[in-house]
Amino acid sequence: MAKRAVHRRARKVLGEEPVALVWCEIHKPIPTPPTEVHRAAGRGRLKPGHHWLLYVGAVVFFFVVVPVMVIDKLGTARRDRPNTHPSASGRDRARDRRQDPPNRVFDGDWNLTAGGLLLRWYGHSPNPKRLVMLGRDRVCIAASPRRRLSPTKADDFRIVAEFPLGQVRPEGEAGQPRGFATFRLRFADGSWLEVGRLGEPEDADHFLRAINGGAA
């Protein structure tokens, strides 16, 4: 379970004991909104920030690993003449990929509640993790201002969005495989937002049971 510091902070910012809470993330890329919509929302960032070590790793990869891979590839090409005619199965796989439906992280309408929440998602924090907390009569989303955080120890998060239960309904199946569980926030205007990468398996299980009316 999330550490005492997290629960203590949750009680403080909510002003009550949370019914359930779970760390989660937008587990798919946020689609690019129309230019005018993005401009009207303040041109907020649509991707999470990254720690400086990630950029160092990227530089090492492109200037050290990639050249080695290219050299190795050229050597292999000289030994083995490539087949310039893709197989039928290869063409079928490519066709299937083109026909795959696009990933949907929300309902697609940027003018509704879920779209507005997405436009501000990384404006509250460059860290992708958000803490969704269920109160007795509301759902709150909290974020830490830090670029890096430990979801088991974070104690500086603050509420960045709050919705009465009449305006939002969390939906998700209990008993989902750990590591693959997701849930949706469905809003009264018909829009919805899906999140995943639920942190702390026990918190995730408890949260999913709670939104199914099962428990505490």
Protein backbone atom coordinates (compact mmCIF):
# COMPACT_ATOMS: atom_id res chain seq x y z
CA MET A 1 0.00 0.00 0.00
CA ALA A 2 1.01 3.64 -0.40
CA LYS A 3 3.03 4.75 2.58
CA ARG A 4 1.65 6.62 5.56
CA ALA A 5 3.01 9.92 4.24
CA VAL A 6 0.80 9.60 1.15
CA HIS A 7 -2.33 8.77 3.15
CA ARG A 8 -1.58 11.50 5.67
CA ARG A 9 -1.21 14.05 2.87
CA ALA A 10 -4.39 12.74 1.18
CA ARG A 11 -6.37 13.23 4.40
CA LYS A 12 -4.98 16.74 4.72
CA VAL A 13 -5.78 17.91 1.19
CA LEU A 14 -9.19 16.20 1.12
CA GLY A 15 -10.19 17.17 4.64
CA GLU A 16 -11.47 13.63 5.12
CA GLU A 17 -10.34 10.02 4.97
CA PRO A 18 -10.26 8.94 1.30
CA VAL A 19 -12.54 6.07 0.36
CA ALA A 20 -9.83 4.87 -2.04
CA LEU A 21 -6.86 6.30 -3.86
CA VAL A 22 -4.47 5.19 -6.59
CA TRP A 23 -1.57 6.63 -8.55
CA CYS A 24 -2.10 6.43 -12.31
CA GLU A 25 -0.93 7.89 -15.62
CA ILE A 26 -2.17 8.77 -19.08
CA HIS A 27 -0.94 5.47 -20.51
CA LYS A 28 -1.22 6.44 -24.18
CA PRO A 29 0.13 9.50 -26.01
CA ILE A 30 -2.14 12.52 -25.82
CA PRO A 31 -3.32 13.21 -29.38
CA THR A 32 -2.48 16.57 -30.91
CA PRO A 33 -5.41 18.97 -30.48
CA PRO A 34 -6.49 21.42 -33.18
CA THR A 35 -4.18 24.43 -33.24
CA GLU A 36 -6.89 26.91 -32.27
CA VAL A 37 -8.01 24.75 -29.33
CA HIS A 38 -4.45 24.35 -28.08
CA ARG A 39 -3.84 28.10 -28.44
CA ALA A 40 -7.01 28.96 -26.55
CA ALA A 41 -5.97 26.64 -23.72
CA GLY A 42 -2.63 28.43 -23.35
CA ARG A 43 -0.48 26.09 -25.46
CA GLY A 44 0.23 23.83 -22.48
CA ARG A 45 2.62 20.92 -22.81
CA LEU A 46 1.13 17.64 -24.03
CA LYS A 47 4.02 15.39 -23.02
CA PRO A 48 5.60 14.66 -19.64
CA GLY A 49 8.95 16.13 -18.70
CA HIS A 50 11.97 13.85 -18.43
CA HIS A 51 14.88 13.69 -16.01
CA TRP A 52 18.22 14.96 -17.34
CA LEU A 53 19.67 11.42 -17.20
CA LEU A 54 17.24 10.41 -19.93
CA TYR A 55 18.68 13.03 -22.26
CA VAL A 56 22.22 11.88 -21.46
CA GLY A 57 21.17 8.32 -22.30
CA ALA A 58 19.64 9.50 -25.58
CA VAL A 59 22.87 11.25 -26.59
CA VAL A 60 24.92 8.16 -25.78
CA PHE A 61 22.50 5.99 -27.74
CA PHE A 62 22.54 8.12 -30.91
CA PHE A 63 26.27 8.83 -30.96
CA VAL A 64 27.59 5.48 -29.74
CA VAL A 65 25.03 2.70 -30.07
CA VAL A 66 23.45 3.76 -33.38
CA PRO A 67 26.79 3.98 -35.30
CA VAL A 68 27.74 0.51 -34.05
CA MET A 69 24.37 -0.86 -35.18
CA VAL A 70 24.73 0.78 -38.62
CA ILE A 71 28.20 -0.66 -39.12
CA ASP A 72 26.98 -4.11 -38.12
CA LYS A 73 23.98 -3.78 -40.45
CA LEU A 74 26.18 -2.83 -43.39
CA GLY A 75 28.39 -5.82 -42.76
CA THR A 76 25.40 -8.14 -42.70
CA ALA A 77 24.00 -6.60 -45.90
CA ARG A 78 27.19 -7.40 -47.76
CA ARG A 79 26.97 -11.05 -46.73
CA ASP A 80 23.28 -11.54 -47.30
CA ARG A 81 21.48 -10.05 -50.27
CA PRO A 82 18.20 -8.62 -49.00
CA ASN A 83 14.89 -9.79 -50.37
CA THR A 84 13.39 -6.78 -52.11
CA HIS A 85 9.94 -8.35 -52.44
CA PRO A 86 8.06 -8.52 -49.15
CA SER A 87 6.21 -11.74 -48.49
CA ALA A 88 2.46 -11.95 -48.60
CA SER A 89 2.39 -12.35 -44.83
CA GLY A 90 4.53 -9.19 -44.48
CA ARG A 91 2.11 -7.26 -46.70
CA ASP A 92 -0.79 -8.59 -44.66
CA ARG A 93 0.80 -7.47 -41.40
CA ALA A 94 1.43 -3.98 -42.81
CA ARG A 95 -2.17 -3.81 -44.02
CA ASP A 96 -3.43 -4.89 -40.60
CA ARG A 97 -1.37 -2.17 -38.92
CA ARG A 98 -2.90 0.45 -41.21
CA GLN A 99 -6.34 -0.79 -40.29
CA ASP A 100 -5.71 -0.77 -36.55
CA PRO A 101 -8.04 1.71 -34.84
CA PRO A 102 -6.22 4.68 -33.28
CA ASN A 103 -5.44 4.55 -29.59
CA ARG A 104 -8.12 6.35 -27.66
CA VAL A 105 -7.18 8.04 -24.43
CA PHE A 106 -10.41 10.07 -24.38
CA ASP A 107 -13.67 10.47 -26.28
CA GLY A 108 -12.15 12.86 -28.82
CA ASP A 109 -14.09 16.09 -28.17
CA TRP A 110 -11.64 18.74 -26.98
CA ASN A 111 -14.48 21.08 -26.00
CA LEU A 112 -15.89 18.78 -23.31
CA THR A 113 -14.66 18.10 -19.78
CA ALA A 114 -12.24 15.25 -20.54
CA GLY A 115 -10.62 17.16 -23.40
CA GLY A 116 -10.19 20.24 -21.22
CA LEU A 117 -8.61 18.11 -18.50
CA LEU A 118 -6.16 16.62 -20.99
CA LEU A 119 -5.15 20.05 -22.28
CA ARG A 120 -4.14 21.01 -18.72
CA TRP A 121 -2.78 17.61 -17.66
CA TYR A 122 0.96 18.35 -17.86
CA GLY A 123 0.49 22.02 -17.05
CA HIS A 124 -0.06 21.05 -13.43
CA SER A 125 3.09 18.94 -13.28
CA PRO A 126 5.69 17.60 -15.74
CA ASN A 127 5.53 14.28 -13.91
CA PRO A 128 3.07 11.86 -15.57
CA LYS A 129 1.78 10.41 -12.28
CA ARG A 130 -1.51 11.61 -10.83
CA LEU A 131 -3.22 10.55 -7.63
CA VAL A 132 -6.95 9.94 -8.06
CA MET A 133 -8.75 10.09 -4.73
CA LEU A 134 -12.32 9.13 -3.99
CA GLY A 135 -14.06 11.15 -1.30
CA ARG A 136 -17.53 10.51 0.07
CA ASP A 137 -19.14 12.76 -2.55
CA ARG A 138 -16.38 13.77 -4.97
CA VAL A 139 -13.45 12.64 -7.07
CA CYS A 140 -10.21 14.59 -6.84
CA ILE A 141 -7.09 14.47 -8.99
CA ALA A 142 -3.83 15.49 -7.36
CA ALA A 143 -0.33 16.10 -8.72
CA SER A 144 3.14 16.69 -7.32
CA PRO A 145 5.06 19.69 -8.70
CA ARG A 146 8.24 17.61 -8.79
CA ARG A 147 9.66 16.16 -12.00
CA ARG A 148 10.48 12.92 -10.19
CA LEU A 149 8.61 11.34 -7.31
CA SER A 150 8.15 8.07 -5.49
CA PRO A 151 4.44 7.22 -5.50
CA THR A 152 4.86 5.37 -2.20
CA LYS A 153 6.43 8.36 -0.42
CA ALA A 154 5.24 11.52 -2.18
CA ASP A 155 3.88 13.98 0.36
CA ASP A 156 3.76 17.28 -1.52
CA PHE A 157 0.94 16.66 -4.00
CA ARG A 158 -1.98 19.06 -4.28
CA ILE A 159 -5.46 18.82 -5.77
CA VAL A 160 -5.51 20.10 -9.36
CA ALA A 161 -9.04 19.05 -10.34
CA GLU A 162 -12.15 18.23 -8.31
CA PHE A 163 -15.52 16.94 -9.46
CA PRO A 164 -18.70 16.19 -7.48
CA LEU A 165 -19.88 12.61 -7.93
CA GLY A 166 -22.84 13.93 -9.89
CA GLN A 167 -20.43 15.20 -12.54
CA VAL A 168 -18.10 12.21 -12.84
CA ARG A 169 -18.33 8.45 -12.49
CA PRO A 170 -15.20 6.27 -12.25
CA GLU A 171 -15.62 3.04 -14.24
CA GLY A 172 -13.36 0.01 -14.17
CA GLU A 173 -13.57 -3.73 -13.75
CA ALA A 174 -12.36 -5.26 -10.52
CA GLY A 175 -9.85 -8.09 -10.73
CA GLN A 176 -7.97 -6.79 -13.77
CA PRO A 177 -4.46 -8.22 -14.30
CA ARG A 178 -1.89 -6.32 -12.33
CA GLY A 179 0.22 -4.15 -14.56
CA PHE A 180 -2.51 -3.89 -17.21
CA ALA A 181 -5.42 -2.46 -15.22
CA THR A 182 -7.15 0.70 -16.44
CA PHE A 183 -10.19 2.71 -15.49
CA ARG A 184 -12.16 5.57 -16.97
CA LEU A 185 -13.47 8.81 -15.60
CA ARG A 186 -16.83 9.33 -17.32
CA PHE A 187 -18.21 12.85 -17.06
CA ALA A 188 -21.80 14.09 -17.06
CA ASP A 189 -21.37 15.75 -20.47
CA GLY A 190 -20.68 12.33 -22.03
CA SER A 191 -16.91 12.73 -22.30
CA TRP A 192 -14.50 10.22 -20.80
CA LEU A 193 -10.82 9.88 -20.00
CA GLU A 194 -8.94 6.58 -19.63
CA VAL A 195 -5.90 6.13 -17.38
CA GLY A 196 -3.63 3.18 -16.65
CA ARG A 197 -0.29 2.18 -15.16
CA LEU A 198 -1.96 2.00 -11.80
CA GLY A 199 0.58 2.19 -9.00
CA GLU A 200 0.79 0.00 -5.90
CA PRO A 201 -1.16 -3.18 -6.72
CA GLU A 202 -3.02 -3.24 -3.40
CA ASP A 203 -4.17 0.34 -3.85
CA ALA A 204 -5.22 -0.44 -7.43
CA ASP A 205 -7.20 -3.52 -6.37
CA HIS A 206 -8.89 -1.60 -3.56
CA PHE A 207 -9.70 1.34 -5.86
CA LEU A 208 -11.23 -0.89 -8.55
CA ARG A 209 -13.32 -2.74 -5.96
CA ALA A 210 -14.48 0.57 -4.49
CA ILE A 211 -15.70 1.99 -7.81
CA ASN A 212 -17.59 -1.24 -8.38
CA GLY A 213 -19.34 -0.80 -5.03
CA GLY A 214 -17.43 -3.71 -3.50
CA ALA A 215 -15.58 -2.64 -0.73
CA ALA A 216 -13.29 -1.33 1.55
